[in-house]
Structures are given as structure tokens and as C-alpha cells.
């Protein structure tokens, strides 16, 4: 059931993203947000690669340990899987919060930058009121995988 819900939510977010980019794709702020997502994905990929590099397991070592105990290969696979999961968790949290910002009528996903490191979310940018800062923080706190939210959002009323 949870997997089905995640699949439906993913499809909905994907559809919303396609609609959004088809309508606002040429906006420089959208391109900037896309570059930030790309940077987050690259960072996650690099973190996973570094974790895998730390294992330092040569094929000969694996064969020897496997012959002795049969556990090294499994433990290394679990550690590698955990490293990859940890590296992608921050990117998932960032994407989920950006999706919630896109869906919000009050908050602008284009004006609020979201960065996540080890479950700590940093919100930065400009909003129209202090109530919008509260809404953005609440929205982020209600996202799975968030341990803490740091806001550097600034109140800048809309120009008339």
C-alpha cells in the first residue's frame, strides 16, 4: 500500500513538474532551480562514490574473507547500500519540499531555495511576510526525513 502511495505521489509530482516546466521553462529562476537540483543529484552521486571507495575491498580479500567467515561480502554490500541510501535521502527530502512549495498557493518555489544535508534543511530566499516563513518551516518540518529546519528566509513585500 505504501509503495502504491509513493508511486502515485511520484507520478503526481512528475506530472506537476512537466506542467510547470512546460509553462515556465524559459524563466531564468526555473533554470536556476533546475541547476540546484542537478547539483544536489551530483553531490549525492559523489557521496555514494566516496563511500564505496572507502570500503577498499580487493577481490582477493573478498575471496579470503568469504572462505573464512562468509560475512564480509554481505556486510560490505549492506554498508554500500546504506551509503547510497544516505546519499540519496537528502536529494529526496529536497525534492519533496520543492514539490510541496510548488503545490502551495502562498509560497513560491522559485523564490525559496532548499538545501538538505544529513536531514538538516536550510530554507533561504525571500517571502512576502513572516507568516510565509512560518508556513515554509512547517511545510519542511512535515516532510519525512527532516531532522531540523534552519530558515534564513527574508521578508520582502511584493513590489506594487
N, C-alpha and C. Protein backbone atom coordinates (compact mmCIF):
# COMPACT_ATOMS: atom_id res chain seq x y z
N UNK A 1 0.82 -1.18 0.00
CA UNK A 1 0.00 0.00 0.00
C UNK A 1 0.87 1.26 0.00
N UNK A 2 1.91 1.23 0.85
CA UNK A 2 2.80 2.39 0.94
C UNK A 2 3.54 2.61 -0.38
N UNK A 3 3.93 1.51 -1.02
CA UNK A 3 4.62 1.59 -2.30
C UNK A 3 3.70 2.18 -3.36
N UNK A 4 2.44 1.76 -3.35
CA UNK A 4 1.47 2.30 -4.30
C UNK A 4 1.27 3.79 -4.08
N UNK A 5 1.16 4.18 -2.81
CA UNK A 5 1.01 5.60 -2.49
C UNK A 5 2.23 6.40 -2.95
N UNK A 6 3.43 5.85 -2.74
CA UNK A 6 4.65 6.52 -3.18
C UNK A 6 4.68 6.63 -4.70
N UNK A 7 4.23 5.58 -5.39
CA UNK A 7 4.21 5.60 -6.85
C UNK A 7 3.23 6.66 -7.35
N UNK A 8 2.04 6.72 -6.76
CA UNK A 8 1.04 7.72 -7.16
C UNK A 8 1.55 9.12 -6.88
N UNK A 9 2.15 9.32 -5.71
CA UNK A 9 2.71 10.63 -5.36
C UNK A 9 3.82 11.00 -6.33
N UNK A 10 4.67 10.05 -6.68
CA UNK A 10 5.74 10.31 -7.64
C UNK A 10 5.21 10.70 -9.00
N UNK A 11 4.18 9.99 -9.45
CA UNK A 11 3.57 10.33 -10.73
C UNK A 11 2.93 11.71 -10.70
N UNK A 12 2.27 12.03 -9.59
CA UNK A 12 1.65 13.35 -9.46
C UNK A 12 2.71 14.45 -9.47
N UNK A 13 3.80 14.24 -8.72
CA UNK A 13 4.87 15.24 -8.71
C UNK A 13 5.52 15.35 -10.09
N UNK A 14 5.69 14.22 -10.75
CA UNK A 14 6.26 14.25 -12.10
C UNK A 14 5.36 15.00 -13.06
N UNK A 15 4.07 14.74 -12.98
CA UNK A 15 3.11 15.46 -13.84
C UNK A 15 3.11 16.95 -13.56
N UNK A 16 3.16 17.29 -12.27
CA UNK A 16 3.20 18.71 -11.90
C UNK A 16 4.48 19.35 -12.43
N UNK A 17 5.59 18.63 -12.35
CA UNK A 17 6.86 19.18 -12.84
C UNK A 17 6.82 19.39 -14.35
N UNK A 18 6.25 18.42 -15.07
CA UNK A 18 6.15 18.58 -16.53
C UNK A 18 5.30 19.79 -16.87
N UNK A 19 4.15 19.91 -16.21
CA UNK A 19 3.29 21.08 -16.46
C UNK A 19 4.03 22.37 -16.14
N UNK A 20 4.69 22.39 -14.98
CA UNK A 20 5.38 23.60 -14.54
C UNK A 20 6.47 24.00 -15.54
N UNK A 21 7.30 23.04 -15.94
CA UNK A 21 8.38 23.36 -16.87
C UNK A 21 7.87 23.71 -18.27
N UNK A 22 6.74 23.12 -18.66
CA UNK A 22 6.20 23.49 -19.98
C UNK A 22 5.67 24.91 -19.98
N UNK A 23 5.20 25.38 -18.82
CA UNK A 23 4.68 26.75 -18.74
C UNK A 23 5.73 27.79 -18.35
N UNK A 24 6.70 27.37 -17.55
CA UNK A 24 7.68 28.32 -17.03
C UNK A 24 9.12 27.93 -17.36
N UNK A 25 9.32 27.05 -18.32
CA UNK A 25 10.64 26.51 -18.63
C UNK A 25 11.68 27.53 -19.04
N UNK A 26 11.27 28.64 -19.62
CA UNK A 26 12.24 29.63 -20.08
C UNK A 26 12.59 30.67 -19.02
N UNK A 27 11.92 30.61 -17.88
CA UNK A 27 12.17 31.55 -16.79
C UNK A 27 13.56 31.28 -16.20
N UNK A 28 14.40 32.30 -16.06
CA UNK A 28 15.76 32.08 -15.52
C UNK A 28 15.73 31.50 -14.10
N UNK A 29 14.69 31.82 -13.33
CA UNK A 29 14.62 31.28 -11.97
C UNK A 29 14.37 29.78 -12.00
N UNK A 30 13.60 29.32 -12.98
CA UNK A 30 13.34 27.89 -13.13
C UNK A 30 14.63 27.18 -13.52
N UNK A 31 15.37 27.77 -14.45
CA UNK A 31 16.65 27.17 -14.85
C UNK A 31 17.60 27.09 -13.65
N UNK A 32 17.58 28.14 -12.82
CA UNK A 32 18.43 28.16 -11.63
C UNK A 32 18.01 27.04 -10.67
N UNK A 33 16.72 26.86 -10.48
CA UNK A 33 16.23 25.78 -9.61
C UNK A 33 16.64 24.42 -10.18
N UNK A 34 16.55 24.27 -11.51
CA UNK A 34 16.97 23.03 -12.15
C UNK A 34 18.44 22.75 -11.93
N UNK A 35 19.24 23.80 -12.00
CA UNK A 35 20.68 23.64 -11.77
C UNK A 35 20.95 23.22 -10.33
N UNK A 36 20.16 23.75 -9.38
CA UNK A 36 20.35 23.38 -7.98
C UNK A 36 19.99 21.92 -7.76
N UNK A 37 18.92 21.46 -8.39
CA UNK A 37 18.54 20.05 -8.27
C UNK A 37 19.63 19.18 -8.89
N UNK A 38 20.15 19.61 -10.04
CA UNK A 38 21.22 18.87 -10.70
C UNK A 38 22.46 18.81 -9.81
N UNK A 39 22.79 19.92 -9.14
CA UNK A 39 23.93 19.97 -8.24
C UNK A 39 23.72 19.03 -7.06
N UNK A 40 22.49 19.01 -6.51
CA UNK A 40 22.19 18.11 -5.39
C UNK A 40 22.33 16.65 -5.81
N UNK A 41 21.86 16.33 -7.01
CA UNK A 41 21.98 14.96 -7.51
C UNK A 41 23.45 14.58 -7.69
N UNK A 42 24.24 15.52 -8.23
CA UNK A 42 25.66 15.26 -8.43
C UNK A 42 26.35 15.06 -7.08
N UNK A 43 25.97 15.86 -6.10
CA UNK A 43 26.54 15.74 -4.76
C UNK A 43 26.21 14.38 -4.15
N UNK A 44 24.97 13.94 -4.34
CA UNK A 44 24.56 12.63 -3.82
C UNK A 44 25.35 11.52 -4.50
N UNK A 45 25.53 11.65 -5.81
CA UNK A 45 26.29 10.64 -6.56
C UNK A 45 27.73 10.61 -6.08
N UNK A 46 28.34 11.77 -5.86
CA UNK A 46 29.72 11.83 -5.40
C UNK A 46 29.86 11.24 -4.00
N UNK A 47 28.88 11.52 -3.13
CA UNK A 47 28.92 10.97 -1.77
C UNK A 47 28.84 9.45 -1.81
N UNK A 48 27.98 8.92 -2.66
CA UNK A 48 27.87 7.46 -2.79
C UNK A 48 29.16 6.86 -3.32
N UNK A 49 29.76 7.51 -4.31
CA UNK A 49 31.02 7.03 -4.87
C UNK A 49 32.13 7.05 -3.82
N UNK A 50 32.19 8.10 -3.02
CA UNK A 50 33.20 8.18 -1.97
C UNK A 50 33.02 7.09 -0.93
N UNK A 51 31.77 6.83 -0.54
CA UNK A 51 31.51 5.77 0.44
C UNK A 51 31.93 4.42 -0.10
N UNK A 52 31.66 4.18 -1.38
CA UNK A 52 32.07 2.91 -1.98
C UNK A 52 33.58 2.79 -2.04
N UNK A 53 34.26 3.90 -2.27
CA UNK A 53 35.73 3.92 -2.35
C UNK A 53 36.35 3.60 -0.99
N UNK A 54 35.69 4.03 0.09
CA UNK A 54 36.21 3.83 1.45
C UNK A 54 36.28 2.35 1.81
N UNK A 55 35.47 1.51 1.16
CA UNK A 55 35.43 0.09 1.51
C UNK A 55 36.76 -0.63 1.25
N UNK A 56 37.53 -0.23 0.25
CA UNK A 56 38.85 -0.81 -0.04
C UNK A 56 38.85 -2.33 0.00
N UNK A 57 37.96 -2.96 -0.69
CA UNK A 57 37.92 -4.42 -0.70
C UNK A 57 38.36 -4.94 -2.06
N UNK A 58 39.57 -5.53 -2.09
CA UNK A 58 40.07 -6.13 -3.32
C UNK A 58 39.41 -7.49 -3.52
N UNK A 59 39.32 -7.99 -4.75
CA UNK A 59 38.70 -9.30 -5.00
C UNK A 59 39.35 -10.43 -4.19
N UNK A 60 40.68 -10.37 -4.03
CA UNK A 60 41.37 -11.42 -3.26
C UNK A 60 40.92 -11.38 -1.80
N UNK A 61 40.78 -10.17 -1.24
CA UNK A 61 40.35 -10.04 0.16
C UNK A 61 38.93 -10.59 0.34
N UNK A 62 38.08 -10.31 -0.63
CA UNK A 62 36.70 -10.80 -0.55
C UNK A 62 36.69 -12.32 -0.56
N UNK A 63 37.46 -12.93 -1.47
CA UNK A 63 37.50 -14.39 -1.56
C UNK A 63 38.01 -15.00 -0.26
N UNK A 64 39.10 -14.43 0.31
CA UNK A 64 39.66 -14.95 1.56
C UNK A 64 38.66 -14.85 2.71
N UNK A 65 38.06 -13.68 2.86
CA UNK A 65 37.10 -13.48 3.95
C UNK A 65 35.86 -14.35 3.76
N UNK A 66 35.41 -14.47 2.53
CA UNK A 66 34.25 -15.30 2.24
C UNK A 66 34.54 -16.76 2.59
N UNK A 67 35.74 -17.22 2.26
CA UNK A 67 36.12 -18.60 2.57
C UNK A 67 36.20 -18.81 4.09
N UNK A 68 36.64 -17.78 4.83
CA UNK A 68 36.78 -17.91 6.28
C UNK A 68 35.46 -17.78 7.01
N UNK A 69 34.70 -16.71 6.69
CA UNK A 69 33.51 -16.44 7.51
C UNK A 69 32.22 -16.30 6.71
N UNK A 70 32.32 -15.98 5.44
CA UNK A 70 31.11 -15.81 4.63
C UNK A 70 30.33 -14.55 4.93
N UNK A 71 30.91 -13.62 5.71
CA UNK A 71 30.15 -12.44 6.11
C UNK A 71 30.64 -11.13 5.53
N UNK A 72 31.84 -11.02 5.11
CA UNK A 72 32.38 -9.75 4.66
C UNK A 72 31.62 -9.22 3.45
N UNK A 73 31.35 -10.08 2.49
CA UNK A 73 30.68 -9.63 1.28
C UNK A 73 29.31 -9.09 1.61
N UNK A 74 28.58 -9.78 2.49
CA UNK A 74 27.25 -9.29 2.87
C UNK A 74 27.34 -7.97 3.63
N UNK A 75 28.25 -7.87 4.55
CA UNK A 75 28.37 -6.65 5.34
C UNK A 75 28.78 -5.48 4.44
N UNK A 76 29.71 -5.72 3.55
CA UNK A 76 30.14 -4.67 2.63
C UNK A 76 28.98 -4.25 1.74
N UNK A 77 28.18 -5.20 1.29
CA UNK A 77 27.02 -4.86 0.45
C UNK A 77 26.02 -4.05 1.26
N UNK A 78 25.80 -4.41 2.52
CA UNK A 78 24.87 -3.64 3.35
C UNK A 78 25.40 -2.23 3.58
N UNK A 79 26.71 -2.11 3.87
CA UNK A 79 27.30 -0.79 4.08
C UNK A 79 27.19 0.06 2.82
N UNK A 80 27.45 -0.55 1.68
CA UNK A 80 27.37 0.20 0.42
C UNK A 80 25.93 0.62 0.16
N UNK A 81 24.99 -0.28 0.40
CA UNK A 81 23.58 0.07 0.22
C UNK A 81 23.16 1.19 1.13
N UNK A 82 23.61 1.16 2.37
CA UNK A 82 23.28 2.21 3.34
C UNK A 82 23.90 3.54 2.91
N UNK A 83 25.14 3.50 2.40
CA UNK A 83 25.81 4.72 1.94
C UNK A 83 25.04 5.34 0.78
N UNK A 84 24.60 4.50 -0.15
CA UNK A 84 23.84 5.02 -1.29
C UNK A 84 22.51 5.57 -0.82
N UNK A 85 21.85 4.86 0.10
CA UNK A 85 20.56 5.33 0.62
C UNK A 85 20.72 6.67 1.34
N UNK A 86 21.78 6.81 2.16
CA UNK A 86 22.01 8.06 2.87
C UNK A 86 22.29 9.20 1.89
N UNK A 87 23.05 8.91 0.85
CA UNK A 87 23.41 9.95 -0.12
C UNK A 87 22.19 10.44 -0.90
N UNK A 88 21.27 9.55 -1.17
CA UNK A 88 20.09 9.96 -1.94
C UNK A 88 18.98 10.50 -1.05
N UNK A 89 19.03 10.23 0.26
CA UNK A 89 17.97 10.69 1.16
C UNK A 89 17.84 12.21 1.13
N UNK A 90 18.96 12.92 1.17
CA UNK A 90 18.91 14.39 1.18
C UNK A 90 18.31 14.92 -0.12
N UNK A 91 18.66 14.31 -1.23
CA UNK A 91 18.09 14.75 -2.51
C UNK A 91 16.58 14.49 -2.53
N UNK A 92 16.13 13.35 -1.96
CA UNK A 92 14.70 13.06 -1.90
C UNK A 92 13.98 14.08 -1.03
N UNK A 93 14.56 14.42 0.11
CA UNK A 93 13.94 15.40 1.02
C UNK A 93 13.82 16.75 0.31
N UNK A 94 14.89 17.19 -0.33
CA UNK A 94 14.87 18.46 -1.05
C UNK A 94 13.79 18.46 -2.13
N UNK A 95 13.72 17.39 -2.90
CA UNK A 95 12.72 17.29 -3.96
C UNK A 95 11.30 17.29 -3.39
N UNK A 96 11.09 16.60 -2.28
CA UNK A 96 9.76 16.56 -1.67
C UNK A 96 9.33 17.95 -1.20
N UNK A 97 10.25 18.67 -0.58
CA UNK A 97 9.92 20.02 -0.10
C UNK A 97 9.66 20.95 -1.28
N UNK A 98 10.49 20.87 -2.32
CA UNK A 98 10.25 21.70 -3.51
C UNK A 98 8.89 21.39 -4.12
N UNK A 99 8.51 20.11 -4.15
CA UNK A 99 7.20 19.72 -4.66
C UNK A 99 6.07 20.33 -3.84
N UNK A 100 6.24 20.34 -2.51
CA UNK A 100 5.23 20.96 -1.64
C UNK A 100 5.17 22.47 -1.87
N UNK A 101 6.32 23.08 -2.10
CA UNK A 101 6.33 24.53 -2.37
C UNK A 101 5.62 24.84 -3.68
N UNK A 102 5.83 23.99 -4.69
CA UNK A 102 5.16 24.18 -5.97
C UNK A 102 3.65 24.09 -5.79
N UNK A 103 3.20 23.15 -4.95
CA UNK A 103 1.77 22.94 -4.74
C UNK A 103 1.14 24.02 -3.87
N UNK A 104 1.94 24.75 -3.12
CA UNK A 104 1.42 25.77 -2.21
C UNK A 104 0.99 27.02 -2.98
N UNK A 105 -0.17 27.54 -2.62
CA UNK A 105 -0.65 28.78 -3.26
C UNK A 105 0.04 30.01 -2.68
N UNK A 106 0.47 29.93 -1.43
CA UNK A 106 1.05 31.09 -0.76
C UNK A 106 2.55 31.24 -0.96
N UNK A 107 3.24 30.13 -1.18
CA UNK A 107 4.70 30.17 -1.22
C UNK A 107 5.21 29.95 -2.64
N UNK A 108 6.30 30.61 -2.96
CA UNK A 108 6.88 30.49 -4.30
C UNK A 108 8.10 29.57 -4.28
N UNK A 109 8.00 28.48 -5.03
CA UNK A 109 9.14 27.57 -5.14
C UNK A 109 10.31 28.23 -5.84
N UNK A 110 10.02 29.26 -6.62
CA UNK A 110 11.10 29.95 -7.34
C UNK A 110 11.88 30.89 -6.43
N UNK A 111 11.23 31.40 -5.39
CA UNK A 111 11.89 32.36 -4.51
C UNK A 111 12.49 31.73 -3.25
N UNK A 112 12.21 30.45 -3.03
CA UNK A 112 12.71 29.78 -1.83
C UNK A 112 13.67 28.67 -2.26
N UNK A 113 14.91 28.79 -1.79
CA UNK A 113 15.93 27.77 -2.06
C UNK A 113 15.90 26.75 -0.93
N UNK A 114 16.02 25.47 -1.27
CA UNK A 114 16.00 24.39 -0.29
C UNK A 114 17.28 23.59 -0.44
N UNK A 115 18.01 23.45 0.64
CA UNK A 115 19.22 22.61 0.67
C UNK A 115 19.12 21.66 1.85
N UNK A 116 19.50 20.41 1.66
CA UNK A 116 19.41 19.41 2.73
C UNK A 116 20.75 18.71 2.88
N UNK A 117 21.21 18.63 4.12
CA UNK A 117 22.44 17.93 4.44
C UNK A 117 22.20 17.13 5.72
N UNK A 118 22.29 15.81 5.60
CA UNK A 118 22.11 14.91 6.74
C UNK A 118 20.79 15.17 7.46
N UNK A 119 19.74 15.45 6.70
CA UNK A 119 18.42 15.66 7.29
C UNK A 119 18.18 17.06 7.82
N UNK A 120 19.18 17.93 7.74
CA UNK A 120 19.03 19.32 8.17
C UNK A 120 18.72 20.16 6.94
N UNK A 121 17.53 20.75 6.93
CA UNK A 121 17.06 21.52 5.78
C UNK A 121 17.32 23.00 6.03
N UNK A 122 17.88 23.67 5.02
CA UNK A 122 18.08 25.12 5.09
C UNK A 122 17.21 25.76 4.02
N UNK A 123 16.34 26.67 4.48
CA UNK A 123 15.48 27.42 3.58
C UNK A 123 16.06 28.82 3.46
N UNK A 124 16.22 29.31 2.23
CA UNK A 124 16.73 30.66 2.04
C UNK A 124 15.98 31.31 0.89
N UNK A 125 16.04 32.63 0.86
CA UNK A 125 15.36 33.37 -0.19
C UNK A 125 14.49 34.45 0.41
N UNK A 126 13.46 34.83 -0.36
CA UNK A 126 12.59 35.93 0.06
C UNK A 126 11.14 35.49 0.00
N UNK A 127 10.37 35.94 1.00
CA UNK A 127 8.93 35.70 1.05
C UNK A 127 8.23 37.02 1.36
N UNK A 128 6.91 37.03 1.19
CA UNK A 128 6.15 38.27 1.34
C UNK A 128 5.86 38.65 2.79
N UNK A 129 5.86 37.69 3.72
CA UNK A 129 5.51 38.02 5.10
C UNK A 129 6.12 37.00 6.06
N UNK A 130 6.09 37.34 7.34
CA UNK A 130 6.60 36.41 8.36
C UNK A 130 5.70 35.17 8.45
N UNK A 131 4.41 35.32 8.12
CA UNK A 131 3.52 34.16 8.10
C UNK A 131 3.99 33.15 7.05
N UNK A 132 4.50 33.66 5.94
CA UNK A 132 5.00 32.76 4.90
C UNK A 132 6.25 32.02 5.37
N UNK A 133 7.06 32.67 6.21
CA UNK A 133 8.23 31.98 6.78
C UNK A 133 7.74 30.82 7.65
N UNK A 134 6.73 31.08 8.48
CA UNK A 134 6.17 30.03 9.33
C UNK A 134 5.62 28.88 8.50
N UNK A 135 4.90 29.20 7.43
CA UNK A 135 4.32 28.16 6.57
C UNK A 135 5.42 27.33 5.91
N UNK A 136 6.48 27.99 5.45
CA UNK A 136 7.57 27.27 4.79
C UNK A 136 8.27 26.33 5.77
N UNK A 137 8.50 26.80 6.99
CA UNK A 137 9.15 25.97 8.00
C UNK A 137 8.26 24.78 8.35
N UNK A 138 6.96 25.03 8.55
CA UNK A 138 6.02 23.95 8.86
C UNK A 138 5.98 22.93 7.73
N UNK A 139 5.92 23.41 6.51
CA UNK A 139 5.89 22.54 5.34
C UNK A 139 7.13 21.64 5.33
N UNK A 140 8.29 22.22 5.60
CA UNK A 140 9.53 21.45 5.61
C UNK A 140 9.54 20.45 6.77
N UNK A 141 9.10 20.88 7.95
CA UNK A 141 9.11 20.01 9.13
C UNK A 141 8.19 18.81 8.96
N UNK A 142 7.15 18.95 8.15
CA UNK A 142 6.20 17.87 7.94
C UNK A 142 6.65 16.90 6.84
N UNK A 143 7.87 17.03 6.39
CA UNK A 143 8.41 16.16 5.35
C UNK A 143 9.22 15.04 5.98
N UNK A 144 8.97 13.82 5.53
CA UNK A 144 9.68 12.67 6.07
C UNK A 144 11.18 12.79 5.80
N UNK A 145 11.99 12.49 6.81
CA UNK A 145 13.43 12.53 6.67
C UNK A 145 14.06 13.83 7.18
N UNK A 146 13.22 14.80 7.58
CA UNK A 146 13.73 16.08 8.08
C UNK A 146 13.96 15.98 9.58
N UNK A 147 15.19 16.30 10.01
CA UNK A 147 15.51 16.31 11.43
C UNK A 147 15.44 17.72 12.01
N UNK A 148 15.78 18.71 11.19
CA UNK A 148 15.86 20.09 11.66
C UNK A 148 15.69 21.01 10.47
N UNK A 149 15.10 22.19 10.72
CA UNK A 149 14.95 23.18 9.67
C UNK A 149 15.60 24.48 10.12
N UNK A 150 16.47 25.02 9.29
CA UNK A 150 17.12 26.31 9.53
C UNK A 150 16.61 27.26 8.45
N UNK A 151 16.04 28.37 8.88
CA UNK A 151 15.50 29.33 7.91
C UNK A 151 16.31 30.61 7.91
N UNK A 152 16.74 31.00 6.73
CA UNK A 152 17.36 32.31 6.55
C UNK A 152 16.49 33.13 5.61
N UNK A 153 15.20 32.76 5.54
CA UNK A 153 14.26 33.47 4.67
C UNK A 153 14.13 34.92 5.14
N UNK A 154 14.04 35.81 4.18
CA UNK A 154 13.90 37.24 4.46
C UNK A 154 12.53 37.71 4.01
N UNK A 155 11.92 38.62 4.77
CA UNK A 155 10.63 39.18 4.39
C UNK A 155 10.89 40.37 3.46
N UNK A 156 10.40 40.24 2.25
CA UNK A 156 10.49 41.32 1.26
C UNK A 156 9.13 41.42 0.60
N UNK A 157 8.32 42.42 1.03
CA UNK A 157 6.98 42.55 0.46
C UNK A 157 7.03 42.68 -1.05
N UNK A 158 5.99 42.17 -1.72
CA UNK A 158 5.92 42.22 -3.16
C UNK A 158 5.86 43.67 -3.62
N UNK A 159 6.58 43.97 -4.70
CA UNK A 159 6.56 45.32 -5.28
C UNK A 159 5.21 45.54 -5.94
N UNK A 160 4.68 46.74 -5.78
CA UNK A 160 3.36 47.04 -6.35
C UNK A 160 3.45 47.77 -7.63
